[in-house]
Amino acid sequence: MTDSYRSEMLKALTGELTVHERETFERALATGGGARSDLWLQLLSDVLELPLARTDSDQGAAYGAALLALQGVGLVERAAGAARTEIGARFEPRAGSGYREPIRRFKTRGV
């Protein structure tokens, strides 16, 4: 199995997952285990047509949940403002990545 084939299989398997997230966000900051993969974050950026940033630290979901809890009980005004993270890498959507038409077809299927 070639690296190219593996890459295409990963795109096929993960591409559909990202379709459902496409219209949810204006911007995104990636943390945790999935954020360790440059391939995954570039795929997300391409499909979502959204710039993504990865944090420099490996804090994961529990840190974000704790910040949201602090916001929920009124101890901080904004969870995002309370986060102490540095940006480690940025991923920009690539023009012509080829996902726009398949996403349109997927949506018209009614799924």
Protein backbone atom coordinates (compact mmCIF):
# COMPACT_ATOMS: atom_id res chain seq x y z
CA MET A 1 0.00 0.00 0.00
CA THR A 2 1.55 3.32 -1.06
CA ASP A 3 1.61 6.50 1.01
CA SER A 4 -0.52 8.17 -1.66
CA TYR A 5 -3.17 5.44 -1.38
CA ARG A 6 -3.18 5.73 2.43
CA SER A 7 -3.58 9.48 2.15
CA GLU A 8 -6.53 9.12 -0.25
CA MET A 9 -8.18 6.53 2.01
CA LEU A 10 -7.82 8.86 4.99
CA LYS A 11 -9.42 11.67 2.99
CA ALA A 12 -12.33 9.40 2.04
CA LEU A 13 -12.91 8.20 5.58
CA THR A 14 -12.60 11.54 7.31
CA GLY A 15 -14.02 13.86 4.67
CA GLU A 16 -17.62 12.93 5.39
CA LEU A 17 -17.14 13.59 9.11
CA THR A 18 -16.13 17.16 8.42
CA VAL A 19 -19.08 17.88 6.09
CA HIS A 20 -21.41 18.03 9.08
CA GLU A 21 -19.22 20.65 10.79
CA ARG A 22 -18.78 22.85 7.72
CA GLU A 23 -21.35 25.56 8.50
CA THR A 24 -21.02 25.62 12.28
CA PHE A 25 -17.94 27.78 12.89
CA GLU A 26 -16.47 31.11 11.87
CA ARG A 27 -13.00 30.23 13.16
CA ALA A 28 -11.48 27.34 15.05
CA LEU A 29 -8.68 26.51 17.44
CA ALA A 30 -7.64 22.86 17.50
CA THR A 31 -6.44 21.14 20.68
CA GLY A 32 -6.04 17.59 21.90
CA GLY A 33 -5.12 14.34 20.18
CA GLY A 34 -6.63 15.00 16.76
CA ALA A 35 -4.82 18.32 16.55
CA ARG A 36 -1.48 16.51 16.47
CA SER A 37 -2.08 15.49 12.86
CA ASP A 38 -1.13 18.08 10.25
CA LEU A 39 -2.97 16.00 7.63
CA TRP A 40 -6.21 16.02 9.66
CA LEU A 41 -6.07 19.76 10.34
CA GLN A 42 -5.34 20.57 6.69
CA LEU A 43 -8.26 18.37 5.62
CA LEU A 44 -10.55 20.14 8.09
CA SER A 45 -9.36 23.53 6.89
CA ASP A 46 -9.94 22.57 3.23
CA VAL A 47 -13.41 21.06 3.76
CA LEU A 48 -14.62 23.74 6.17
CA GLU A 49 -13.01 26.48 4.05
CA LEU A 50 -11.89 27.90 7.37
CA PRO A 51 -8.50 28.88 8.77
CA LEU A 52 -7.52 26.70 11.73
CA ALA A 53 -4.89 27.17 14.40
CA ARG A 54 -3.29 24.55 16.63
CA THR A 55 -2.26 25.44 20.16
CA ASP A 56 1.36 25.19 21.19
CA SER A 57 0.43 23.18 24.28
CA ASP A 58 -1.32 19.81 24.56
CA GLN A 59 -4.18 20.74 26.90
CA GLY A 60 -7.03 18.88 25.26
CA ALA A 61 -10.76 18.90 25.79
CA ALA A 62 -10.77 18.87 29.60
CA TYR A 63 -9.09 22.27 29.68
CA GLY A 64 -11.73 23.73 27.36
CA ALA A 65 -14.53 22.15 29.39
CA ALA A 66 -13.09 23.66 32.57
CA LEU A 67 -12.94 27.11 30.97
CA LEU A 68 -16.54 26.82 29.80
CA ALA A 69 -17.56 25.77 33.34
CA LEU A 70 -15.82 28.85 34.76
CA GLN A 71 -17.74 31.00 32.28
CA GLY A 72 -20.99 29.18 33.10
CA VAL A 73 -20.76 29.96 36.83
CA GLY A 74 -19.68 33.54 36.20
CA LEU A 75 -16.05 33.33 37.36
CA VAL A 76 -14.78 34.52 33.96
CA GLU A 77 -16.61 36.65 31.42
CA ARG A 78 -15.39 34.75 28.35
CA ALA A 79 -13.82 31.30 28.30
CA ALA A 80 -11.73 32.19 25.24
CA GLY A 81 -10.31 35.22 27.00
CA ALA A 82 -9.29 33.13 30.01
CA ALA A 83 -7.36 30.58 27.95
CA ARG A 84 -3.63 30.89 28.20
CA THR A 85 -2.46 29.31 24.98
CA GLU A 86 -0.02 30.22 22.25
CA ILE A 87 -0.60 29.38 18.59
CA GLY A 88 1.75 26.66 17.40
CA ALA A 89 0.71 26.20 13.75
CA ARG A 90 -1.83 27.62 11.32
CA PHE A 91 -3.67 25.85 8.51
CA GLU A 92 -5.23 27.82 5.67
CA PRO A 93 -7.81 26.37 3.27
CA ARG A 94 -6.26 25.55 -0.08
CA ALA A 95 -7.95 27.04 -3.12
CA GLY A 96 -9.38 24.40 -5.40
CA SER A 97 -9.12 21.58 -2.86
CA GLY A 98 -12.03 19.87 -4.62
CA TYR A 99 -14.49 19.50 -1.74
CA ARG A 100 -17.12 22.09 -2.68
CA GLU A 101 -18.91 20.03 -5.37
CA PRO A 102 -18.90 16.71 -3.43
CA ILE A 103 -20.31 18.55 -0.40
CA ARG A 104 -23.08 20.07 -2.55
CA ARG A 105 -23.96 16.60 -3.89
CA PHE A 106 -23.86 15.14 -0.36
CA LYS A 107 -26.26 17.81 0.92
CA THR A 108 -28.73 17.30 -1.92
CA ARG A 109 -28.91 13.59 -1.05
CA GLY A 110 -30.77 14.59 2.07
CA VAL A 111 -28.29 13.10 4.49
